[in-house]
Amino acid sequence: MSDNRKQEGLQALGRETNYLENYAPDVLETFENKHPDNDYWVRFNCPEFTSVCPITGQPDFAEIRISYIPDKRMVESKSLKLYLFSFRNHGDFHEDCVNIIMKDLVRLMDPKYLEVRGIFTPRGGISIWPYANYGRPGTKWEQLAERRLMEQE
């Protein structure tokens, strides 16, 4: 691990992976954005997300897509992977999972803009694809969030 990453205090990167059994937002880590004056997208795709239906206990499978425009802090990818895997035994509805992920990442990074989409596989013949987004209040990013929300199909 580079000295810069060590100085950031990152714990997960470069270590043996310990997969958690329960929802664990405390595993999320950030590092300094070296280009805070540039507006650019960072995108993550987690095609193997799983959670549990809170009513039936059946597993739910989804692809989770996260896109954000960072400000001063960025999420470290291995910690994000561990965080998303921590939903494996977490019982919540699809819409709740997507909103929880969005809110946790906003609290963690305070990004300019962030969006999370869940593409859940069908259960009982119906697919659910929740979408949640955030734009920093009082800025052009809030307007972007409103526009992108209204553009969803």
Protein backbone atom coordinates (compact mmCIF):
# COMPACT_ATOMS: atom_id res chain seq x y z
CA MET A 1 0.00 0.00 0.00
CA SER A 2 1.36 3.45 -0.85
CA ASP A 3 2.39 5.87 1.87
CA ASN A 4 -0.42 8.22 0.81
CA ARG A 5 -3.02 5.51 1.40
CA LYS A 6 -1.47 4.68 4.77
CA GLN A 7 -1.68 8.34 5.74
CA GLU A 8 -5.38 8.28 4.86
CA GLY A 9 -5.85 5.63 7.56
CA LEU A 10 -7.38 3.05 5.23
CA GLN A 11 -7.91 -0.29 6.95
CA ALA A 12 -9.34 -2.65 4.31
CA LEU A 13 -7.11 -1.98 1.31
CA GLY A 14 -4.19 -4.42 1.05
CA ARG A 15 -5.36 -6.69 3.86
CA GLU A 16 -7.00 -10.08 4.01
CA THR A 17 -10.71 -9.74 3.32
CA ASN A 18 -13.05 -10.39 6.23
CA TYR A 19 -16.62 -10.63 4.95
CA LEU A 20 -19.18 -9.41 7.43
CA GLU A 21 -22.43 -11.18 8.27
CA ASN A 22 -24.57 -8.14 9.07
CA TYR A 23 -25.17 -4.61 7.77
CA ALA A 24 -22.00 -2.68 8.56
CA PRO A 25 -21.78 0.97 7.43
CA ASP A 26 -18.78 1.45 9.71
CA VAL A 27 -16.55 -0.47 7.25
CA LEU A 28 -16.82 2.36 4.70
CA GLU A 29 -13.62 4.35 4.28
CA THR A 30 -12.68 7.46 2.35
CA PHE A 31 -9.56 9.01 0.93
CA GLU A 32 -8.71 12.50 -0.27
CA ASN A 33 -9.84 13.50 -3.76
CA LYS A 34 -6.72 14.81 -5.50
CA HIS A 35 -8.85 16.70 -8.04
CA PRO A 36 -11.62 18.44 -6.05
CA ASP A 37 -11.69 21.37 -8.48
CA ASN A 38 -12.61 19.07 -11.39
CA ASP A 39 -16.16 17.85 -11.80
CA TYR A 40 -16.05 14.20 -12.87
CA TRP A 41 -18.04 11.01 -12.48
CA VAL A 42 -16.99 7.98 -10.46
CA ARG A 43 -19.06 4.87 -11.13
CA PHE A 44 -19.26 1.54 -9.36
CA ASN A 45 -21.18 -1.52 -10.43
CA CYS A 46 -21.91 -4.39 -8.05
CA PRO A 47 -23.58 -7.15 -10.13
CA GLU A 48 -23.75 -9.64 -7.25
CA PHE A 49 -25.59 -7.70 -4.53
CA THR A 50 -27.78 -9.76 -2.22
CA SER A 51 -30.10 -8.92 0.64
CA VAL A 52 -32.96 -10.72 2.36
CA CYS A 53 -36.70 -10.10 2.14
CA PRO A 54 -37.79 -8.94 5.61
CA ILE A 55 -41.09 -10.84 5.31
CA THR A 56 -40.17 -14.19 3.75
CA GLY A 57 -36.47 -14.42 4.55
CA GLN A 58 -35.85 -15.30 0.89
CA PRO A 59 -32.71 -13.93 -0.75
CA ASP A 60 -33.01 -11.02 -3.16
CA PHE A 61 -30.44 -10.53 -5.91
CA ALA A 62 -29.59 -7.27 -7.65
CA GLU A 63 -27.11 -5.24 -9.58
CA ILE A 64 -26.35 -2.05 -7.64
CA ARG A 65 -25.06 0.89 -9.67
CA ILE A 66 -23.53 3.84 -7.83
CA SER A 67 -22.46 7.04 -9.58
CA TYR A 68 -21.18 10.18 -7.92
CA ILE A 69 -19.39 13.46 -8.46
CA PRO A 70 -16.90 13.76 -5.59
CA ASP A 71 -15.91 16.81 -3.62
CA LYS A 72 -13.12 16.50 -1.06
CA ARG A 73 -13.49 12.81 -0.11
CA MET A 74 -13.96 9.63 -2.15
CA VAL A 75 -15.09 6.18 -1.12
CA GLU A 76 -12.42 3.49 -1.12
CA SER A 77 -13.57 0.64 -3.39
CA LYS A 78 -12.66 -2.37 -1.23
CA SER A 79 -14.47 -0.87 1.76
CA LEU A 80 -17.47 -0.25 -0.52
CA LYS A 81 -17.39 -3.89 -1.60
CA LEU A 82 -17.33 -5.06 2.03
CA TYR A 83 -20.16 -2.66 2.87
CA LEU A 84 -22.34 -3.89 0.00
CA PHE A 85 -21.61 -7.51 0.92
CA SER A 86 -22.73 -6.75 4.48
CA PHE A 87 -26.32 -6.56 3.17
CA ARG A 88 -26.22 -10.31 2.47
CA ASN A 89 -28.17 -11.16 5.65
CA HIS A 90 -29.84 -7.77 6.02
CA GLY A 91 -33.62 -7.84 5.85
CA ASP A 92 -35.02 -4.83 4.02
CA PHE A 93 -37.16 -4.12 1.00
CA HIS A 94 -35.45 -3.23 -2.29
CA GLU A 95 -36.36 0.45 -2.02
CA ASP A 96 -35.01 0.61 1.52
CA CYS A 97 -31.67 -0.93 0.54
CA VAL A 98 -31.14 1.62 -2.25
CA ASN A 99 -32.05 4.57 0.00
CA ILE A 100 -29.89 3.30 2.87
CA ILE A 101 -26.89 2.94 0.54
CA MET A 102 -27.42 6.45 -0.82
CA LYS A 103 -27.76 8.04 2.63
CA ASP A 104 -24.74 6.19 4.04
CA LEU A 105 -22.56 7.34 1.14
CA VAL A 106 -23.77 10.94 1.39
CA ARG A 107 -22.94 10.96 5.13
CA LEU A 108 -19.57 9.39 4.44
CA MET A 109 -18.30 11.57 1.60
CA ASP A 110 -20.50 14.68 1.34
CA PRO A 111 -20.32 14.43 -2.47
CA LYS A 112 -21.53 17.09 -4.86
CA TYR A 113 -23.92 14.59 -6.43
CA LEU A 114 -24.72 10.88 -5.93
CA GLU A 115 -27.16 8.35 -7.33
CA VAL A 116 -27.88 4.70 -6.59
CA ARG A 117 -29.91 2.32 -8.73
CA GLY A 118 -30.92 -1.20 -7.78
CA ILE A 119 -31.78 -3.59 -10.60
CA PHE A 120 -33.34 -6.47 -8.68
CA THR A 121 -34.03 -9.78 -10.37
CA PRO A 122 -37.69 -10.74 -10.72
CA ARG A 123 -39.49 -12.43 -7.89
CA GLY A 124 -43.00 -13.68 -8.59
CA GLY A 125 -42.68 -12.36 -12.12
CA ILE A 126 -42.05 -8.71 -11.11
CA SER A 127 -38.78 -6.77 -11.22
CA ILE A 128 -38.21 -3.79 -8.96
CA TRP A 129 -35.65 -1.15 -9.97
CA PRO A 130 -35.51 1.56 -7.28
CA TYR A 131 -33.53 4.74 -7.88
CA ALA A 132 -32.46 7.35 -5.33
CA ASN A 133 -30.27 10.39 -5.76
CA TYR A 134 -28.85 13.37 -3.92
CA GLY A 135 -27.58 16.77 -5.01
CA ARG A 136 -25.95 19.17 -2.58
CA PRO A 137 -28.67 21.61 -1.44
CA GLY A 138 -28.55 25.14 -2.80
CA THR A 139 -26.21 24.25 -5.67
CA LYS A 140 -26.43 23.25 -9.32
CA TRP A 141 -26.10 19.66 -8.08
CA GLU A 142 -29.49 19.91 -6.36
CA GLN A 143 -30.96 20.96 -9.70
CA LEU A 144 -29.21 18.05 -11.42
CA ALA A 145 -30.72 15.66 -8.85
CA GLU A 146 -34.21 17.02 -9.48
CA ARG A 147 -33.81 16.76 -13.25
CA ARG A 148 -32.36 13.23 -13.22
CA LEU A 149 -35.07 12.04 -10.84
CA MET A 150 -37.78 13.32 -13.18
CA GLU A 151 -36.08 11.65 -16.17
CA GLN A 152 -36.33 8.16 -14.67
CA GLU A 153 -38.55 5.73 -16.54
